[in-house]
């Protein structure tokens, strides 16, 4: 099973689950204040709203079975999420390195 299939099977029938990564990145932003984290949170939130409107059939007239839009949305969500996590990891490593350097110098 591919990642697109997994994401589609998860979020299309249950679009509110996209709020979980939005909340995850939002909490991380609240704690660390990195712009990439708030971008990831906002992107997931917008995707959750968009997917919910499709789920409720507000944006489509009833035939929403062919979702070509997901070929663009899922890679974008994954790239933004990965970039935010890498940025967070680099910041944590940088902070740990500074702490160890200041501890050695003392």
PDB file of N, CA and C in Angstrom:
ATOM      1  N   UNK A   1       0.844  -1.175   0.000  1.00  0.00           N
ATOM      2  CA  UNK A   1       0.000   0.000   0.000  1.00  0.00           C
ATOM      3  C   UNK A   1       0.892   1.242   0.000  1.00  0.00           C
ATOM      4  N   UNK A   2       0.619   2.149  -0.910  1.00  0.00           N
ATOM      5  CA  UNK A   2       1.406   3.365  -1.012  1.00  0.00           C
ATOM      6  C   UNK A   2       0.988   4.395   0.020  1.00  0.00           C
ATOM      7  N   UNK A   3       1.839   5.392   0.175  1.00  0.00           N
ATOM      8  CA  UNK A   3       1.567   6.449   1.152  1.00  0.00           C
ATOM      9  C   UNK A   3       0.319   7.240   0.771  1.00  0.00           C
ATOM     10  N   UNK A   4       0.098   7.462  -0.539  1.00  0.00           N
ATOM     11  CA  UNK A   4      -1.099   8.190  -0.969  1.00  0.00           C
ATOM     12  C   UNK A   4      -2.355   7.400  -0.638  1.00  0.00           C
ATOM     13  N   UNK A   5      -2.306   6.100  -0.847  1.00  0.00           N
ATOM     14  CA  UNK A   5      -3.450   5.255  -0.530  1.00  0.00           C
ATOM     15  C   UNK A   5      -3.719   5.273   0.969  1.00  0.00           C
ATOM     16  N   UNK A   6      -2.666   5.185   1.742  1.00  0.00           N
ATOM     17  CA  UNK A   6      -2.810   5.218   3.194  1.00  0.00           C
ATOM     18  C   UNK A   6      -3.435   6.536   3.652  1.00  0.00           C
ATOM     19  N   UNK A   7      -2.903   7.657   3.163  1.00  0.00           N
ATOM     20  CA  UNK A   7      -3.449   8.958   3.546  1.00  0.00           C
ATOM     21  C   UNK A   7      -4.884   9.115   3.075  1.00  0.00           C
ATOM     22  N   UNK A   8      -5.165   8.670   1.843  1.00  0.00           N
ATOM     23  CA  UNK A   8      -6.520   8.761   1.320  1.00  0.00           C
ATOM     24  C   UNK A   8      -7.499   7.934   2.128  1.00  0.00           C
ATOM     25  N   UNK A   9      -7.105   6.714   2.464  1.00  0.00           N
ATOM     26  CA  UNK A   9      -7.985   5.852   3.263  1.00  0.00           C
ATOM     27  C   UNK A   9      -8.194   6.396   4.672  1.00  0.00           C
ATOM     28  N   UNK A  10      -7.246   7.163   5.149  1.00  0.00           N
ATOM     29  CA  UNK A  10      -7.343   7.722   6.496  1.00  0.00           C
ATOM     30  C   UNK A  10      -8.174   9.005   6.520  1.00  0.00           C
ATOM     31  N   UNK A  11      -7.859   9.946   5.639  1.00  0.00           N
ATOM     32  CA  UNK A  11      -8.439  11.284   5.738  1.00  0.00           C
ATOM     33  C   UNK A  11      -9.713  11.503   4.925  1.00  0.00           C
ATOM     34  N   UNK A  12      -9.905  10.814   3.823  1.00  0.00           N
ATOM     35  CA  UNK A  12     -11.099  11.063   3.015  1.00  0.00           C
ATOM     36  C   UNK A  12     -12.380  10.682   3.770  1.00  0.00           C
ATOM     37  N   UNK A  13     -12.460   9.497   4.352  1.00  0.00           N
ATOM     38  CA  UNK A  13     -13.697   9.184   5.089  1.00  0.00           C
ATOM     39  C   UNK A  13     -13.778   9.841   6.465  1.00  0.00           C
ATOM     40  N   UNK A  14     -12.643  10.295   7.006  1.00  0.00           N
ATOM     41  CA  UNK A  14     -12.598  10.911   8.339  1.00  0.00           C
ATOM     42  C   UNK A  14     -11.727  12.174   8.288  1.00  0.00           C
ATOM     43  N   UNK A  15     -12.231  13.241   7.657  1.00  0.00           N
ATOM     44  CA  UNK A  15     -11.389  14.436   7.474  1.00  0.00           C
ATOM     45  C   UNK A  15     -10.986  15.118   8.775  1.00  0.00           C
ATOM     46  N   UNK A  16     -11.748  14.911   9.832  1.00  0.00           N
ATOM     47  CA  UNK A  16     -11.402  15.529  11.117  1.00  0.00           C
ATOM     48  C   UNK A  16     -10.105  14.981  11.693  1.00  0.00           C
ATOM     49  N   UNK A  17      -9.646  13.835  11.202  1.00  0.00           N
ATOM     50  CA  UNK A  17      -8.361  13.303  11.672  1.00  0.00           C
ATOM     51  C   UNK A  17      -7.181  14.170  11.229  1.00  0.00           C
ATOM     52  N   UNK A  18      -7.386  14.982  10.202  1.00  0.00           N
ATOM     53  CA  UNK A  18      -6.324  15.899   9.766  1.00  0.00           C
ATOM     54  C   UNK A  18      -6.085  16.996  10.796  1.00  0.00           C
ATOM     55  N   UNK A  19      -6.989  17.121  11.751  1.00  0.00           N
ATOM     56  CA  UNK A  19      -6.770  18.094  12.822  1.00  0.00           C
ATOM     57  C   UNK A  19      -5.687  17.630  13.794  1.00  0.00           C
ATOM     58  N   UNK A  20      -5.411  16.329  13.827  1.00  0.00           N
ATOM     59  CA  UNK A  20      -4.381  15.813  14.734  1.00  0.00           C
ATOM     60  C   UNK A  20      -2.999  16.353  14.369  1.00  0.00           C
ATOM     61  N   UNK A  21      -2.545  16.229  13.101  1.00  0.00           N
ATOM     62  CA  UNK A  21      -1.248  16.844  12.787  1.00  0.00           C
ATOM     63  C   UNK A  21      -1.284  18.364  12.910  1.00  0.00           C
ATOM     64  N   UNK A  22      -2.433  18.982  12.630  1.00  0.00           N
ATOM     65  CA  UNK A  22      -2.537  20.439  12.797  1.00  0.00           C
ATOM     66  C   UNK A  22      -2.315  20.813  14.256  1.00  0.00           C
ATOM     67  N   UNK A  23      -2.930  20.079  15.149  1.00  0.00           N
ATOM     68  CA  UNK A  23      -2.755  20.328  16.579  1.00  0.00           C
ATOM     69  C   UNK A  23      -1.327  20.015  17.024  1.00  0.00           C
ATOM     70  N   UNK A  24      -0.776  18.922  16.525  1.00  0.00           N
ATOM     71  CA  UNK A  24       0.598  18.533  16.855  1.00  0.00           C
ATOM     72  C   UNK A  24       1.581  19.648  16.488  1.00  0.00           C
ATOM     73  N   UNK A  25       1.501  20.139  15.246  1.00  0.00           N
ATOM     74  CA  UNK A  25       2.411  21.202  14.828  1.00  0.00           C
ATOM     75  C   UNK A  25       2.094  22.520  15.529  1.00  0.00           C
ATOM     76  N   UNK A  26       0.827  22.755  15.850  1.00  0.00           N
ATOM     77  CA  UNK A  26       0.460  23.958  16.587  1.00  0.00           C
ATOM     78  C   UNK A  26       1.048  23.976  17.988  1.00  0.00           C
ATOM     79  N   UNK A  27       0.992  22.838  18.665  1.00  0.00           N
ATOM     80  CA  UNK A  27       1.584  22.745  20.012  1.00  0.00           C
ATOM     81  C   UNK A  27       3.100  22.902  19.938  1.00  0.00           C
ATOM     82  N   UNK A  28       3.716  22.263  18.939  1.00  0.00           N
ATOM     83  CA  UNK A  28       5.161  22.432  18.776  1.00  0.00           C
ATOM     84  C   UNK A  28       5.523  23.890  18.511  1.00  0.00           C
ATOM     85  N   UNK A  29       4.705  24.578  17.705  1.00  0.00           N
ATOM     86  CA  UNK A  29       4.965  26.004  17.460  1.00  0.00           C
ATOM     87  C   UNK A  29       4.832  26.800  18.756  1.00  0.00           C
ATOM     88  N   UNK A  30       3.819  26.493  19.530  1.00  0.00           N
ATOM     89  CA  UNK A  30       3.589  27.207  20.776  1.00  0.00           C
ATOM     90  C   UNK A  30       4.786  27.062  21.706  1.00  0.00           C
ATOM     91  N   UNK A  31       5.430  25.895  21.682  1.00  0.00           N
ATOM     92  CA  UNK A  31       6.576  25.644  22.556  1.00  0.00           C
ATOM     93  C   UNK A  31       7.895  26.166  21.978  1.00  0.00           C
ATOM     94  N   UNK A  32       8.072  26.098  20.656  1.00  0.00           N
ATOM     95  CA  UNK A  32       9.374  26.406  20.053  1.00  0.00           C
ATOM     96  C   UNK A  32       9.423  27.678  19.219  1.00  0.00           C
ATOM     97  N   UNK A  33       8.298  28.145  18.737  1.00  0.00           N
ATOM     98  CA  UNK A  33       8.193  29.395  17.964  1.00  0.00           C
ATOM     99  C   UNK A  33       9.006  29.395  16.672  1.00  0.00           C
ATOM    100  N   UNK A  34       8.987  28.288  15.951  1.00  0.00           N
ATOM    101  CA  UNK A  34       9.632  28.251  14.634  1.00  0.00           C
ATOM    102  C   UNK A  34       8.562  28.424  13.564  1.00  0.00           C
ATOM    103  N   UNK A  35       8.840  29.292  12.607  1.00  0.00           N
ATOM    104  CA  UNK A  35       7.836  29.615  11.592  1.00  0.00           C
ATOM    105  C   UNK A  35       7.403  28.406  10.771  1.00  0.00           C
ATOM    106  N   UNK A  36       8.312  27.478  10.532  1.00  0.00           N
ATOM    107  CA  UNK A  36       7.934  26.309   9.739  1.00  0.00           C
ATOM    108  C   UNK A  36       6.883  25.462  10.458  1.00  0.00           C
ATOM    109  N   UNK A  37       6.889  25.486  11.768  1.00  0.00           N
ATOM    110  CA  UNK A  37       5.898  24.725  12.525  1.00  0.00           C
ATOM    111  C   UNK A  37       4.506  25.324  12.384  1.00  0.00           C
ATOM    112  N   UNK A  38       4.406  26.644  12.404  1.00  0.00           N
ATOM    113  CA  UNK A  38       3.088  27.268  12.252  1.00  0.00           C
ATOM    114  C   UNK A  38       2.596  27.129  10.811  1.00  0.00           C
ATOM    115  N   UNK A  39       3.526  27.131   9.858  1.00  0.00           N
ATOM    116  CA  UNK A  39       3.134  26.902   8.463  1.00  0.00           C
ATOM    117  C   UNK A  39       2.578  25.491   8.303  1.00  0.00           C
ATOM    118  N   UNK A  40       3.233  24.517   8.913  1.00  0.00           N
ATOM    119  CA  UNK A  40       2.748  23.135   8.849  1.00  0.00           C
ATOM    120  C   UNK A  40       1.389  23.012   9.538  1.00  0.00           C
ATOM    121  N   UNK A  41       1.227  23.641  10.691  1.00  0.00           N
ATOM    122  CA  UNK A  41      -0.053  23.586  11.408  1.00  0.00           C
ATOM    123  C   UNK A  41      -1.164  24.214  10.576  1.00  0.00           C
ATOM    124  N   UNK A  42      -0.893  25.373   9.989  1.00  0.00           N
ATOM    125  CA  UNK A  42      -1.905  26.050   9.184  1.00  0.00           C
ATOM    126  C   UNK A  42      -2.243  25.255   7.928  1.00  0.00           C
ATOM    127  N   UNK A  43      -1.244  24.641   7.324  1.00  0.00           N
ATOM    128  CA  UNK A  43      -1.478  23.842   6.126  1.00  0.00           C
ATOM    129  C   UNK A  43      -2.363  22.641   6.431  1.00  0.00           C
ATOM    130  N   UNK A  44      -2.077  21.947   7.518  1.00  0.00           N
ATOM    131  CA  UNK A  44      -2.910  20.807   7.905  1.00  0.00           C
ATOM    132  C   UNK A  44      -4.317  21.256   8.281  1.00  0.00           C
ATOM    133  N   UNK A  45      -4.440  22.396   8.937  1.00  0.00           N
ATOM    134  CA  UNK A  45      -5.758  22.912   9.292  1.00  0.00           C
ATOM    135  C   UNK A  45      -6.564  23.249   8.035  1.00  0.00           C
ATOM    136  N   UNK A  46      -5.930  23.916   7.086  1.00  0.00           N
ATOM    137  CA  UNK A  46      -6.615  24.239   5.831  1.00  0.00           C
ATOM    138  C   UNK A  46      -7.007  22.979   5.075  1.00  0.00           C
ATOM    139  N   UNK A  47      -6.131  21.981   5.079  1.00  0.00           N
ATOM    140  CA  UNK A  47      -6.467  20.719   4.434  1.00  0.00           C
ATOM    141  C   UNK A  47      -7.655  20.056   5.130  1.00  0.00           C
ATOM    142  N   UNK A  48      -7.696  20.086   6.453  1.00  0.00           N
ATOM    143  CA  UNK A  48      -8.816  19.487   7.190  1.00  0.00           C
ATOM    144  C   UNK A  48     -10.136  20.163   6.818  1.00  0.00           C
ATOM    145  N   UNK A  49     -10.119  21.480   6.737  1.00  0.00           N
ATOM    146  CA  UNK A  49     -11.329  22.216   6.351  1.00  0.00           C
ATOM    147  C   UNK A  49     -11.720  21.872   4.916  1.00  0.00           C
ATOM    148  N   UNK A  50     -10.759  21.872   4.024  1.00  0.00           N
ATOM    149  CA  UNK A  50     -11.020  21.542   2.615  1.00  0.00           C
ATOM    150  C   UNK A  50     -11.588  20.129   2.478  1.00  0.00           C
ATOM    151  N   UNK A  51     -10.961  19.180   3.144  1.00  0.00           N
ATOM    152  CA  UNK A  51     -11.420  17.791   3.046  1.00  0.00           C
ATOM    153  C   UNK A  51     -12.810  17.630   3.661  1.00  0.00           C
ATOM    154  N   UNK A  52     -13.087  18.363   4.729  1.00  0.00           N
ATOM    155  CA  UNK A  52     -14.404  18.295   5.350  1.00  0.00           C
ATOM    156  C   UNK A  52     -15.482  18.846   4.417  1.00  0.00           C
ATOM    157  N   UNK A  53     -15.164  19.932   3.706  1.00  0.00           N
ATOM    158  CA  UNK A  53     -16.156  20.479   2.766  1.00  0.00           C
ATOM    159  C   UNK A  53     -16.435  19.500   1.627  1.00  0.00           C
ATOM    160  N   UNK A  54     -15.432  18.737   1.224  1.00  0.00           N
ATOM    161  CA  UNK A  54     -15.662  17.717   0.214  1.00  0.00           C
ATOM    162  C   UNK A  54     -16.449  16.547   0.796  1.00  0.00           C
ATOM    163  N   UNK A  55     -16.150  16.195   2.023  1.00  0.00           N
ATOM    164  CA  UNK A  55     -16.863  15.118   2.707  1.00  0.00           C
ATOM    165  C   UNK A  55     -18.361  15.443   2.826  1.00  0.00           C
ATOM    166  N   UNK A  56     -18.658  16.698   3.132  1.00  0.00           N
ATOM    167  CA  UNK A  56     -20.048  17.139   3.260  1.00  0.00           C
ATOM    168  C   UNK A  56     -20.697  17.436   1.903  1.00  0.00           C
ATOM    169  N   UNK A  57     -19.931  17.311   0.815  1.00  0.00           N
ATOM    170  CA  UNK A  57     -20.392  17.554  -0.558  1.00  0.00           C
ATOM    171  C   UNK A  57     -20.762  19.022  -0.795  1.00  0.00           C
ATOM    172  N   UNK A  58     -20.059  19.923  -0.113  1.00  0.00           N
ATOM    173  CA  UNK A  58     -20.297  21.339  -0.313  1.00  0.00           C
ATOM    174  C   UNK A  58     -19.515  21.865  -1.511  1.00  0.00           C
ATOM    175  N   UNK A  59     -18.362  21.278  -1.798  1.00  0.00           N
ATOM    176  CA  UNK A  59     -17.534  21.754  -2.913  1.00  0.00           C
ATOM    177  C   UNK A  59     -17.661  20.904  -4.170  1.00  0.00           C
ATOM    178  N   UNK A  60     -18.367  19.826  -4.092  1.00  0.00           N
ATOM    179  CA  UNK A  60     -18.549  19.005  -5.288  1.00  0.00           C
ATOM    180  C   UNK A  60     -20.028  18.663  -5.426  1.00  0.00           C
ATOM    181  N   UNK A  61     -20.419  18.385  -6.633  1.00  0.00           N
ATOM    182  CA  UNK A  61     -21.834  18.158  -6.892  1.00  0.00           C
ATOM    183  C   UNK A  61     -22.264  16.715  -6.656  1.00  0.00           C
ATOM    184  N   UNK A  62     -21.441  15.916  -6.088  1.00  0.00           N
ATOM    185  CA  UNK A  62     -21.814  14.545  -5.789  1.00  0.00           C
ATOM    186  C   UNK A  62     -20.847  13.519  -6.334  1.00  0.00           C
ATOM    187  N   UNK A  63     -20.089  13.854  -7.349  1.00  0.00           N
ATOM    188  CA  UNK A  63     -19.127  12.916  -7.927  1.00  0.00           C
ATOM    189  C   UNK A  63     -17.719  13.370  -7.567  1.00  0.00           C
ATOM    190  N   UNK A  64     -17.282  12.952  -6.388  1.00  0.00           N
ATOM    191  CA  UNK A  64     -15.956  13.334  -5.897  1.00  0.00           C
ATOM    192  C   UNK A  64     -15.036  12.122  -5.837  1.00  0.00           C
ATOM    193  N   UNK A  65     -15.311  11.115  -6.603  1.00  0.00           N
ATOM    194  CA  UNK A  65     -14.550   9.874  -6.506  1.00  0.00           C
ATOM    195  C   UNK A  65     -13.160   9.983  -7.120  1.00  0.00           C
ATOM    196  N   UNK A  66     -12.988  10.787  -8.136  1.00  0.00           N
ATOM    197  CA  UNK A  66     -11.674  10.949  -8.756  1.00  0.00           C
ATOM    198  C   UNK A  66     -11.046  12.203  -8.168  1.00  0.00           C
ATOM    199  N   UNK A  67     -10.086  11.995  -7.290  1.00  0.00           N
ATOM    200  CA  UNK A  67      -9.486  13.100  -6.541  1.00  0.00           C
ATOM    201  C   UNK A  67      -8.078  13.403  -7.049  1.00  0.00           C
ATOM    202  N   UNK A  68      -7.998  14.021  -8.193  1.00  0.00           N
ATOM    203  CA  UNK A  68      -6.715  14.393  -8.780  1.00  0.00           C
ATOM    204  C   UNK A  68      -6.027  15.453  -7.925  1.00  0.00           C
ATOM    205  N   UNK A  69      -6.797  16.231  -7.201  1.00  0.00           N
ATOM    206  CA  UNK A  69      -6.229  17.261  -6.332  1.00  0.00           C
ATOM    207  C   UNK A  69      -5.293  16.682  -5.274  1.00  0.00           C
ATOM    208  N   UNK A  70      -5.531  15.439  -4.898  1.00  0.00           N
ATOM    209  CA  UNK A  70      -4.701  14.816  -3.865  1.00  0.00           C
ATOM    210  C   UNK A  70      -3.296  14.506  -4.364  1.00  0.00           C
ATOM    211  N   UNK A  71      -3.128  14.424  -5.683  1.00  0.00           N
ATOM    212  CA  UNK A  71      -1.785  14.224  -6.241  1.00  0.00           C
ATOM    213  C   UNK A  71      -0.897  15.437  -5.999  1.00  0.00           C
ATOM    214  N   UNK A  72      -1.502  16.576  -5.751  1.00  0.00           N
ATOM    215  CA  UNK A  72      -0.756  17.781  -5.398  1.00  0.00           C
ATOM    216  C   UNK A  72      -0.758  18.015  -3.883  1.00  0.00           C
ATOM    217  N   UNK A  73      -1.899  17.783  -3.262  1.00  0.00           N
ATOM    218  CA  UNK A  73      -2.027  18.087  -1.837  1.00  0.00           C
ATOM    219  C   UNK A  73      -1.188  17.183  -0.939  1.00  0.00           C
ATOM    220  N   UNK A  74      -1.222  15.887  -1.185  1.00  0.00           N
ATOM    221  CA  UNK A  74      -0.483  14.982  -0.301  1.00  0.00           C
ATOM    222  C   UNK A  74       1.025  15.199  -0.353  1.00  0.00           C
ATOM    223  N   UNK A  75       1.627  15.343  -1.536  1.00  0.00           N
ATOM    224  CA  UNK A  75       3.070  15.654  -1.516  1.00  0.00           C
ATOM    225  C   UNK A  75       3.374  16.977  -0.825  1.00  0.00           C
ATOM    226  N   UNK A  76       2.508  17.980  -1.024  1.00  0.00           N
ATOM    227  CA  UNK A  76       2.737  19.274  -0.369  1.00  0.00           C
ATOM    228  C   UNK A  76       2.657  19.134   1.150  1.00  0.00           C
ATOM    229  N   UNK A  77       1.645  18.418   1.633  1.00  0.00           N
ATOM    230  CA  UNK A  77       1.518  18.204   3.076  1.00  0.00           C
ATOM    231  C   UNK A  77       2.724  17.457   3.640  1.00  0.00           C
ATOM    232  N   UNK A  78       3.164  16.441   2.915  1.00  0.00           N
ATOM    233  CA  UNK A  78       4.308  15.654   3.385  1.00  0.00           C
ATOM    234  C   UNK A  78       5.597  16.471   3.386  1.00  0.00           C
ATOM    235  N   UNK A  79       5.824  17.260   2.344  1.00  0.00           N
ATOM    236  CA  UNK A  79       7.043  18.072   2.262  1.00  0.00           C
ATOM    237  C   UNK A  79       7.046  19.140   3.348  1.00  0.00           C
ATOM    238  N   UNK A  80       5.919  19.802   3.532  1.00  0.00           N
ATOM    239  CA  UNK A  80       5.842  20.844   4.566  1.00  0.00           C
ATOM    240  C   UNK A  80       6.027  20.241   5.956  1.00  0.00           C
ATOM    241  N   UNK A  81       5.404  19.100   6.198  1.00  0.00           N
ATOM    242  CA  UNK A  81       5.539  18.434   7.499  1.00  0.00           C
ATOM    243  C   UNK A  81       6.977  17.993   7.742  1.00  0.00           C
ATOM    244  N   UNK A  82       7.586  17.412   6.723  1.00  0.00           N
ATOM    245  CA  UNK A  82       8.971  16.965   6.849  1.00  0.00           C
ATOM    246  C   UNK A  82       9.911  18.144   7.069  1.00  0.00           C
ATOM    247  N   UNK A  83       9.692  19.228   6.353  1.00  0.00           N
ATOM    248  CA  UNK A  83      10.528  20.422   6.534  1.00  0.00           C
ATOM    249  C   UNK A  83      10.394  20.967   7.954  1.00  0.00           C
ATOM    250  N   UNK A  84       9.183  20.978   8.491  1.00  0.00           N
ATOM    251  CA  UNK A  84       8.970  21.473   9.852  1.00  0.00           C
ATOM    252  C   UNK A  84       9.655  20.568  10.869  1.00  0.00           C
ATOM    253  N   UNK A  85       9.561  19.265  10.672  1.00  0.00           N
ATOM    254  CA  UNK A  85      10.205  18.338  11.607  1.00  0.00           C
ATOM    255  C   UNK A  85      11.727  18.419  11.537  1.00  0.00           C
ATOM    256  N   UNK A  86      12.262  18.577  10.330  1.00  0.00           N
ATOM    257  CA  UNK A  86      13.713  18.726  10.187  1.00  0.00           C
ATOM    258  C   UNK A  86      14.176  20.019  10.835  1.00  0.00           C
ATOM    259  N   UNK A  87      13.440  21.094  10.625  1.00  0.00           N
ATOM    260  CA  UNK A  87      13.783  22.382  11.235  1.00  0.00           C
ATOM    261  C   UNK A  87      13.767  22.276  12.757  1.00  0.00           C
ATOM    262  N   UNK A  88      12.775  21.590  13.292  1.00  0.00           N
ATOM    263  CA  UNK A  88      12.688  21.398  14.734  1.00  0.00           C
ATOM    264  C   UNK A  88      13.857  20.557  15.239  1.00  0.00           C
ATOM    265  N   UNK A  89      14.167  19.487  14.541  1.00  0.00           N
ATOM    266  CA  UNK A  89      15.278  18.627  14.935  1.00  0.00           C
ATOM    267  C   UNK A  89      16.599  19.380  14.921  1.00  0.00           C
ATOM    268  N   UNK A  90      16.838  20.173  13.892  1.00  0.00           N
ATOM    269  CA  UNK A  90      18.067  20.964  13.823  1.00  0.00           C
ATOM    270  C   UNK A  90      18.157  21.968  14.966  1.00  0.00           C
ATOM    271  N   UNK A  91      17.036  22.587  15.308  1.00  0.00           N
ATOM    272  CA  UNK A  91      17.027  23.544  16.421  1.00  0.00           C
ATOM    273  C   UNK A  91      17.318  22.848  17.743  1.00  0.00           C
ATOM    274  N   UNK A  92      16.744  21.671  17.939  1.00  0.00           N
ATOM    275  CA  UNK A  92      16.992  20.922  19.176  1.00  0.00           C
ATOM    276  C   UNK A  92      18.456  20.493  19.254  1.00  0.00           C
ATOM    277  N   UNK A  93      18.995  20.007  18.141  1.00  0.00           N
ATOM    278  CA  UNK A  93      20.409  19.610  18.126  1.00  0.00           C
ATOM    279  C   UNK A  93      21.328  20.801  18.356  1.00  0.00           C
ATOM    280  N   UNK A  94      21.004  21.929  17.770  1.00  0.00           N
ATOM    281  CA  UNK A  94      21.803  23.136  17.957  1.00  0.00           C
ATOM    282  C   UNK A  94      21.773  23.575  19.420  1.00  0.00           C
ATOM    283  N   UNK A  95      20.602  23.516  20.029  1.00  0.00           N
ATOM    284  CA  UNK A  95      20.478  23.898  21.441  1.00  0.00           C
ATOM    285  C   UNK A  95      21.256  22.932  22.332  1.00  0.00           C
ATOM    286  N   UNK A  96      21.191  21.648  22.024  1.00  0.00           N
ATOM    287  CA  UNK A  96      21.922  20.654  22.816  1.00  0.00           C
ATOM    288  C   UNK A  96      23.428  20.854  22.663  1.00  0.00           C
ATOM    289  N   UNK A  97      23.882  21.172  21.455  1.00  0.00           N
ATOM    290  CA  UNK A  97      25.305  21.399  21.236  1.00  0.00           C
ATOM    291  C   UNK A  97      25.775  22.632  21.998  1.00  0.00           C
ATOM    292  N   UNK A  98      24.973  23.694  21.974  1.00  0.00           N
ATOM    293  CA  UNK A  98      25.337  24.906  22.726  1.00  0.00           C
ATOM    294  C   UNK A  98      25.389  24.629  24.222  1.00  0.00           C
ATOM    295  N   UNK A  99      24.439  23.837  24.704  1.00  0.00           N
ATOM    296  CA  UNK A  99      24.418  23.512  26.129  1.00  0.00           C
ATOM    297  C   UNK A  99      25.636  22.688  26.506  1.00  0.00           C
ATOM    298  N   UNK A 100      26.030  21.748  25.653  1.00  0.00           N
ATOM    299  CA  UNK A 100      27.193  20.924  25.987  1.00  0.00           C
ATOM    300  C   UNK A 100      28.485  21.736  25.884  1.00  0.00           C
ATOM    301  N   UNK A 101      28.552  22.662  24.936  1.00  0.00           N
ATOM    302  CA  UNK A 101      29.744  23.509  24.815  1.00  0.00           C
ATOM    303  C   UNK A 101      29.875  24.443  25.995  1.00  0.00           C
ATOM    304  N   UNK A 102      28.757  25.003  26.456  1.00  0.00           N
ATOM    305  CA  UNK A 102      28.833  25.917  27.596  1.00  0.00           C
ATOM    306  C   UNK A 102      29.114  25.134  28.889  1.00  0.00           C
ATOM    307  N   UNK A 103      28.680  23.878  28.960  1.00  0.00           N
ATOM    308  CA  UNK A 103      28.965  23.044  30.122  1.00  0.00           C
ATOM    309  C   UNK A 103      30.415  22.619  30.184  1.00  0.00           C
ATOM    310  N   UNK A 104      31.043  22.402  29.026  1.00  0.00           N
ATOM    311  CA  UNK A 104      32.444  21.995  28.967  1.00  0.00           C
ATOM    312  C   UNK A 104      33.343  23.176  29.307  1.00  0.00           C
ATOM    313  N   UNK A 105      32.966  24.363  28.879  1.00  0.00           N
ATOM    314  CA  UNK A 105      33.789  25.533  29.115  1.00  0.00           C
ATOM    315  C   UNK A 105      33.775  25.958  30.583  1.00  0.00           C
ATOM    316  N   UNK A 106      32.779  25.584  31.309  1.00  0.00           N
ATOM    317  CA  UNK A 106      32.662  26.042  32.695  1.00  0.00           C
ATOM    318  C   UNK A 106      33.571  25.327  33.628  1.00  0.00           C
TER     319      UNK A 106
END
